[in-house]
Amino acid sequence: MSMLRRTSPKIIALQVLTVLLFLLPFAGVGVYVWQKHLKAERLVADIEPRHARLQGILAKQEDFVVATKLAQGLTNAFVFPAAMEPTQALNESQQKLKAAFTESGFNVEGITVKEAPDAGDIQRLKMVIRFDGNLANLHQALLKLRDITPTMLVETVNIVNQGQFKPATIPRLVGSMEVVILRAKK
């Protein structure tokens, strides 16, 4: 008898099946890892543009700080801070407004406060000043209003000539001006 014996096809089939069963978990793990790899590649492809934008933002961070300071400076030029109470902002504005008109030669008859609608994060505070004086004083008063900070926005102006108009005289004016100041809410 020979030492080499033919193995039956059943045994070969069982051996192949055993090897396949042994390799099946490794193949399953390989497929699982491949799927995770593909999912990770898609995630990296989605995140990569965002990451690049964030890196660009971080690189320009100094520019953003400068722009923020500039915007804050411009806001302070036009808007009273939220820390200041509305009555305090109105009182300060009334004093500045009255000083601008009296220094220009007008007689200030009175300043009244009116309600104004809010505009989002900005509170609008209205004042009406009544004055009388001559035409030359009006130009000076408007120039002084330009230099007041935070800026006062002139909404309406009503001016009437007082008395008869004579060509050789300076007209005497009586009028009112509606002024709005802005105050931050937050």
C-alpha atoms as a PDB file:
ATOM      1  CA  MET A   1       0.000   0.000   0.000  1.00  0.00           C
ATOM      2  CA  SER A   2       1.120   3.336  -0.777  1.00  0.00           C
ATOM      3  CA  MET A   3       1.574   6.056   1.763  1.00  0.00           C
ATOM      4  CA  LEU A   4      -0.262   8.531  -0.274  1.00  0.00           C
ATOM      5  CA  ARG A   5      -3.794   7.909  -0.281  1.00  0.00           C
ATOM      6  CA  ARG A   6      -6.389   9.673  -2.112  1.00  0.00           C
ATOM      7  CA  THR A   7      -8.673  11.664   0.097  1.00  0.00           C
ATOM      8  CA  SER A   8     -12.248  11.469  -0.624  1.00  0.00           C
ATOM      9  CA  PRO A   9     -14.064  14.434  -2.099  1.00  0.00           C
ATOM     10  CA  LYS A  10     -16.258  14.622   0.989  1.00  0.00           C
ATOM     11  CA  ILE A  11     -13.258  15.167   3.226  1.00  0.00           C
ATOM     12  CA  ILE A  12     -11.828  17.754   0.833  1.00  0.00           C
ATOM     13  CA  ALA A  13     -15.184  19.546   0.820  1.00  0.00           C
ATOM     14  CA  LEU A  14     -15.262  19.459   4.631  1.00  0.00           C
ATOM     15  CA  GLN A  15     -11.725  20.799   4.842  1.00  0.00           C
ATOM     16  CA  VAL A  16     -12.480  23.603   2.393  1.00  0.00           C
ATOM     17  CA  LEU A  17     -15.672  24.377   4.313  1.00  0.00           C
ATOM     18  CA  THR A  18     -13.737  24.446   7.598  1.00  0.00           C
ATOM     19  CA  VAL A  19     -11.128  26.797   6.162  1.00  0.00           C
ATOM     20  CA  LEU A  20     -13.892  29.018   4.761  1.00  0.00           C
ATOM     21  CA  LEU A  21     -15.684  29.058   8.114  1.00  0.00           C
ATOM     22  CA  PHE A  22     -12.395  29.923   9.772  1.00  0.00           C
ATOM     23  CA  LEU A  23     -11.729  32.752   7.279  1.00  0.00           C
ATOM     24  CA  LEU A  24     -15.336  34.061   7.304  1.00  0.00           C
ATOM     25  CA  PRO A  25     -14.958  36.177  10.510  1.00  0.00           C
ATOM     26  CA  PHE A  26     -11.742  37.692   9.119  1.00  0.00           C
ATOM     27  CA  ALA A  27     -13.507  38.508   5.856  1.00  0.00           C
ATOM     28  CA  GLY A  28     -16.417  40.032   7.822  1.00  0.00           C
ATOM     29  CA  VAL A  29     -14.036  42.156   9.850  1.00  0.00           C
ATOM     30  CA  GLY A  30     -12.283  43.198   6.624  1.00  0.00           C
ATOM     31  CA  VAL A  31     -15.590  44.258   5.020  1.00  0.00           C
ATOM     32  CA  TYR A  32     -16.576  46.137   8.193  1.00  0.00           C
ATOM     33  CA  VAL A  33     -13.237  47.959   8.316  1.00  0.00           C
ATOM     34  CA  TRP A  34     -13.485  48.796   4.585  1.00  0.00           C
ATOM     35  CA  GLN A  35     -16.978  50.264   5.051  1.00  0.00           C
ATOM     36  CA  LYS A  36     -15.759  52.345   7.989  1.00  0.00           C
ATOM     37  CA  HIS A  37     -12.812  53.506   5.901  1.00  0.00           C
ATOM     38  CA  LEU A  38     -15.109  54.639   3.072  1.00  0.00           C
ATOM     39  CA  LYS A  39     -17.394  56.407   5.555  1.00  0.00           C
ATOM     40  CA  ALA A  40     -14.395  58.165   7.110  1.00  0.00           C
ATOM     41  CA  GLU A  41     -13.189  59.270   3.657  1.00  0.00           C
ATOM     42  CA  ARG A  42     -16.618  60.782   2.910  1.00  0.00           C
ATOM     43  CA  LEU A  43     -16.602  62.527   6.293  1.00  0.00           C
ATOM     44  CA  VAL A  44     -13.127  63.947   5.677  1.00  0.00           C
ATOM     45  CA  ALA A  45     -14.233  65.123   2.221  1.00  0.00           C
ATOM     46  CA  ASP A  46     -17.229  66.912   3.843  1.00  0.00           C
ATOM     47  CA  ILE A  47     -15.221  68.412   6.698  1.00  0.00           C
ATOM     48  CA  GLU A  48     -12.134  69.438   4.742  1.00  0.00           C
ATOM     49  CA  PRO A  49     -13.659  72.610   3.157  1.00  0.00           C
ATOM     50  CA  ARG A  50     -15.035  73.682   6.524  1.00  0.00           C
ATOM     51  CA  HIS A  51     -11.686  73.116   8.147  1.00  0.00           C
ATOM     52  CA  ALA A  52      -9.979  75.146   5.433  1.00  0.00           C
ATOM     53  CA  ARG A  53     -12.447  78.021   5.990  1.00  0.00           C
ATOM     54  CA  LEU A  54     -11.840  77.905   9.737  1.00  0.00           C
ATOM     55  CA  GLN A  55      -8.083  77.948   9.173  1.00  0.00           C
ATOM     56  CA  GLY A  56      -8.570  81.003   6.944  1.00  0.00           C
ATOM     57  CA  ILE A  57     -10.633  82.697   9.644  1.00  0.00           C
ATOM     58  CA  LEU A  58      -8.001  81.936  12.254  1.00  0.00           C
ATOM     59  CA  ALA A  59      -5.330  83.341   9.966  1.00  0.00           C
ATOM     60  CA  LYS A  60      -7.337  86.579   9.608  1.00  0.00           C
ATOM     61  CA  GLN A  61      -8.201  86.821  13.305  1.00  0.00           C
ATOM     62  CA  GLU A  62      -6.185  90.021  13.769  1.00  0.00           C
ATOM     63  CA  ASP A  63      -8.104  91.660  10.926  1.00  0.00           C
ATOM     64  CA  PHE A  64     -11.379  90.686  12.593  1.00  0.00           C
ATOM     65  CA  VAL A  65     -10.248  92.201  15.882  1.00  0.00           C
ATOM     66  CA  VAL A  66      -9.334  95.447  14.128  1.00  0.00           C
ATOM     67  CA  ALA A  67     -12.658  95.488  12.250  1.00  0.00           C
ATOM     68  CA  THR A  68     -14.564  94.830  15.475  1.00  0.00           C
ATOM     69  CA  LYS A  69     -12.806  97.728  17.207  1.00  0.00           C
ATOM     70  CA  LEU A  70     -13.542  99.988  14.244  1.00  0.00           C
ATOM     71  CA  ALA A  71     -17.202  98.952  14.237  1.00  0.00           C
ATOM     72  CA  GLN A  72     -17.414  99.541  17.995  1.00  0.00           C
ATOM     73  CA  GLY A  73     -15.906 102.999  17.531  1.00  0.00           C
ATOM     74  CA  LEU A  74     -18.429 103.839  14.835  1.00  0.00           C
ATOM     75  CA  THR A  75     -21.252 102.515  16.992  1.00  0.00           C
ATOM     76  CA  ASN A  76     -20.092 104.687  19.884  1.00  0.00           C
ATOM     77  CA  ALA A  77     -20.121 107.709  17.547  1.00  0.00           C
ATOM     78  CA  PHE A  78     -23.790 107.146  16.709  1.00  0.00           C
ATOM     79  CA  VAL A  79     -25.337 105.243  19.612  1.00  0.00           C
ATOM     80  CA  PHE A  80     -25.471 105.730  23.371  1.00  0.00           C
ATOM     81  CA  PRO A  81     -24.285 102.588  25.198  1.00  0.00           C
ATOM     82  CA  ALA A  82     -26.794 100.174  26.708  1.00  0.00           C
ATOM     83  CA  ALA A  83     -25.274 100.764  30.156  1.00  0.00           C
ATOM     84  CA  MET A  84     -26.629 104.319  30.074  1.00  0.00           C
ATOM     85  CA  GLU A  85     -30.246 104.638  31.148  1.00  0.00           C
ATOM     86  CA  PRO A  86     -32.631 106.207  28.603  1.00  0.00           C
ATOM     87  CA  THR A  87     -33.384 109.145  30.902  1.00  0.00           C
ATOM     88  CA  GLN A  88     -29.678 109.772  31.401  1.00  0.00           C
ATOM     89  CA  ALA A  89     -29.094 109.668  27.627  1.00  0.00           C
ATOM     90  CA  LEU A  90     -31.997 112.052  27.068  1.00  0.00           C
ATOM     91  CA  ASN A  91     -30.800 114.477  29.753  1.00  0.00           C
ATOM     92  CA  GLU A  92     -27.287 114.533  28.331  1.00  0.00           C
ATOM     93  CA  SER A  93     -28.629 115.047  24.810  1.00  0.00           C
ATOM     94  CA  GLN A  94     -30.989 117.798  25.940  1.00  0.00           C
ATOM     95  CA  GLN A  95     -28.103 119.653  27.561  1.00  0.00           C
ATOM     96  CA  LYS A  96     -25.938 119.332  24.437  1.00  0.00           C
ATOM     97  CA  LEU A  97     -28.819 120.357  22.168  1.00  0.00           C
ATOM     98  CA  LYS A  98     -29.734 123.358  24.300  1.00  0.00           C
ATOM     99  CA  ALA A  99     -26.085 124.433  24.533  1.00  0.00           C
ATOM    100  CA  ALA A 100     -25.669 124.206  20.736  1.00  0.00           C
ATOM    101  CA  PHE A 101     -28.716 126.417  20.133  1.00  0.00           C
ATOM    102  CA  THR A 102     -28.035 128.966  22.878  1.00  0.00           C
ATOM    103  CA  GLU A 103     -24.350 129.300  21.887  1.00  0.00           C
ATOM    104  CA  SER A 104     -25.546 130.004  18.343  1.00  0.00           C
ATOM    105  CA  GLY A 105     -27.709 132.895  19.539  1.00  0.00           C
ATOM    106  CA  PHE A 106     -31.121 131.237  19.629  1.00  0.00           C
ATOM    107  CA  ASN A 107     -33.575 131.546  22.478  1.00  0.00           C
ATOM    108  CA  VAL A 108     -34.618 128.013  23.430  1.00  0.00           C
ATOM    109  CA  GLU A 109     -38.268 128.014  24.439  1.00  0.00           C
ATOM    110  CA  GLY A 110     -38.336 124.390  25.482  1.00  0.00           C
ATOM    111  CA  ILE A 111     -37.399 120.796  24.786  1.00  0.00           C
ATOM    112  CA  THR A 112     -39.955 118.013  25.008  1.00  0.00           C
ATOM    113  CA  VAL A 113     -39.490 114.271  24.802  1.00  0.00           C
ATOM    114  CA  LYS A 114     -41.687 112.148  22.533  1.00  0.00           C
ATOM    115  CA  GLU A 115     -42.117 108.413  22.266  1.00  0.00           C
ATOM    116  CA  ALA A 116     -40.546 106.733  19.264  1.00  0.00           C
ATOM    117  CA  PRO A 117     -40.811 103.181  17.951  1.00  0.00           C
ATOM    118  CA  ASP A 118     -37.923 100.834  18.676  1.00  0.00           C
ATOM    119  CA  ALA A 119     -35.764  99.525  15.856  1.00  0.00           C
ATOM    120  CA  GLY A 120     -34.556  96.055  16.826  1.00  0.00           C
ATOM    121  CA  ASP A 121     -31.485  96.299  19.069  1.00  0.00           C
ATOM    122  CA  ILE A 122     -31.572 100.094  18.941  1.00  0.00           C
ATOM    123  CA  GLN A 123     -33.914 102.261  20.993  1.00  0.00           C
ATOM    124  CA  ARG A 124     -34.946 105.533  19.354  1.00  0.00           C
ATOM    125  CA  LEU A 125     -35.434 108.478  21.720  1.00  0.00           C
ATOM    126  CA  LYS A 126     -37.096 111.591  20.253  1.00  0.00           C
ATOM    127  CA  MET A 127     -36.860 115.187  21.395  1.00  0.00           C
ATOM    128  CA  VAL A 128     -38.485 118.321  20.020  1.00  0.00           C
ATOM    129  CA  ILE A 129     -36.745 121.657  20.568  1.00  0.00           C
ATOM    130  CA  ARG A 130     -38.624 124.931  20.100  1.00  0.00           C
ATOM    131  CA  PHE A 131     -36.480 127.983  19.356  1.00  0.00           C
ATOM    132  CA  ASP A 132     -36.496 131.534  18.007  1.00  0.00           C
ATOM    133  CA  GLY A 133     -33.714 133.652  16.585  1.00  0.00           C
ATOM    134  CA  ASN A 134     -32.455 135.057  13.323  1.00  0.00           C
ATOM    135  CA  LEU A 135     -31.510 133.243  10.131  1.00  0.00           C
ATOM    136  CA  ALA A 136     -27.745 133.554  10.658  1.00  0.00           C
ATOM    137  CA  ASN A 137     -28.073 131.692  13.971  1.00  0.00           C
ATOM    138  CA  LEU A 138     -29.698 128.716  12.240  1.00  0.00           C
ATOM    139  CA  HIS A 139     -26.588 127.969  10.195  1.00  0.00           C
ATOM    140  CA  GLN A 140     -24.368 128.110  13.293  1.00  0.00           C
ATOM    141  CA  ALA A 141     -26.729 125.863  15.262  1.00  0.00           C
ATOM    142  CA  LEU A 142     -26.741 123.229  12.528  1.00  0.00           C
ATOM    143  CA  LEU A 143     -22.938 123.285  12.367  1.00  0.00           C
ATOM    144  CA  LYS A 144     -22.753 122.768  16.135  1.00  0.00           C
ATOM    145  CA  LEU A 145     -25.243 119.864  15.907  1.00  0.00           C
ATOM    146  CA  ARG A 146     -22.875 118.167  13.465  1.00  0.00           C
ATOM    147  CA  ASP A 147     -20.109 118.013  16.081  1.00  0.00           C
ATOM    148  CA  ILE A 148     -22.203 116.497  18.902  1.00  0.00           C
ATOM    149  CA  THR A 149     -21.481 112.844  19.721  1.00  0.00           C
ATOM    150  CA  PRO A 150     -23.268 110.481  19.823  1.00  0.00           C
ATOM    151  CA  THR A 151     -24.841 111.845  16.672  1.00  0.00           C
ATOM    152  CA  MET A 152     -28.281 113.419  16.822  1.00  0.00           C
ATOM    153  CA  LEU A 153     -30.428 112.678  13.798  1.00  0.00           C
ATOM    154  CA  VAL A 154     -32.681 115.518  12.645  1.00  0.00           C
ATOM    155  CA  GLU A 155     -36.013 114.113  11.506  1.00  0.00           C
ATOM    156  CA  THR A 156     -38.147 117.205  10.887  1.00  0.00           C
ATOM    157  CA  VAL A 157     -37.646 120.947  10.937  1.00  0.00           C
ATOM    158  CA  ASN A 158     -40.456 123.516  10.987  1.00  0.00           C
ATOM    159  CA  ILE A 159     -39.400 127.149  10.605  1.00  0.00           C
ATOM    160  CA  VAL A 160     -41.695 130.157  10.270  1.00  0.00           C
ATOM    161  CA  ASN A 161     -40.794 133.792   9.701  1.00  0.00           C
ATOM    162  CA  GLN A 162     -41.959 135.856  12.687  1.00  0.00           C
ATOM    163  CA  GLY A 163     -43.526 139.176  11.804  1.00  0.00           C
ATOM    164  CA  GLN A 164     -43.331 140.930   8.487  1.00  0.00           C
ATOM    165  CA  PHE A 165     -40.493 140.291   6.125  1.00  0.00           C
ATOM    166  CA  LYS A 166     -38.631 143.482   5.307  1.00  0.00           C
ATOM    167  CA  PRO A 167     -35.804 143.432   2.761  1.00  0.00           C
ATOM    168  CA  ALA A 168     -33.336 145.459   4.841  1.00  0.00           C
ATOM    169  CA  THR A 169     -33.674 143.396   8.036  1.00  0.00           C
ATOM    170  CA  ILE A 170     -32.539 139.966   9.121  1.00  0.00           C
ATOM    171  CA  PRO A 171     -35.592 137.702   9.328  1.00  0.00           C
ATOM    172  CA  ARG A 172     -36.629 136.582  12.804  1.00  0.00           C
ATOM    173  CA  LEU A 173     -37.409 132.843  12.832  1.00  0.00           C
ATOM    174  CA  VAL A 174     -39.552 130.742  15.125  1.00  0.00           C
ATOM    175  CA  GLY A 175     -39.311 127.027  14.712  1.00  0.00           C
ATOM    176  CA  SER A 176     -39.102 123.536  16.049  1.00  0.00           C
ATOM    177  CA  MET A 177     -36.809 120.648  15.273  1.00  0.00           C
ATOM    178  CA  GLU A 178     -37.450 116.970  15.936  1.00  0.00           C
ATOM    179  CA  VAL A 179     -34.223 115.196  16.869  1.00  0.00           C
ATOM    180  CA  VAL A 180     -33.668 111.468  17.412  1.00  0.00           C
ATOM    181  CA  ILE A 181     -30.920 109.917  19.481  1.00  0.00           C
ATOM    182  CA  LEU A 182     -30.102 106.226  19.411  1.00  0.00           C
ATOM    183  CA  ARG A 183     -29.410 104.000  22.427  1.00  0.00           C
ATOM    184  CA  ALA A 184     -28.316 100.367  22.329  1.00  0.00           C
ATOM    185  CA  LYS A 185     -30.632  97.951  24.141  1.00  0.00           C
ATOM    186  CA  LYS A 186     -28.024  95.269  24.793  1.00  0.00           C
END
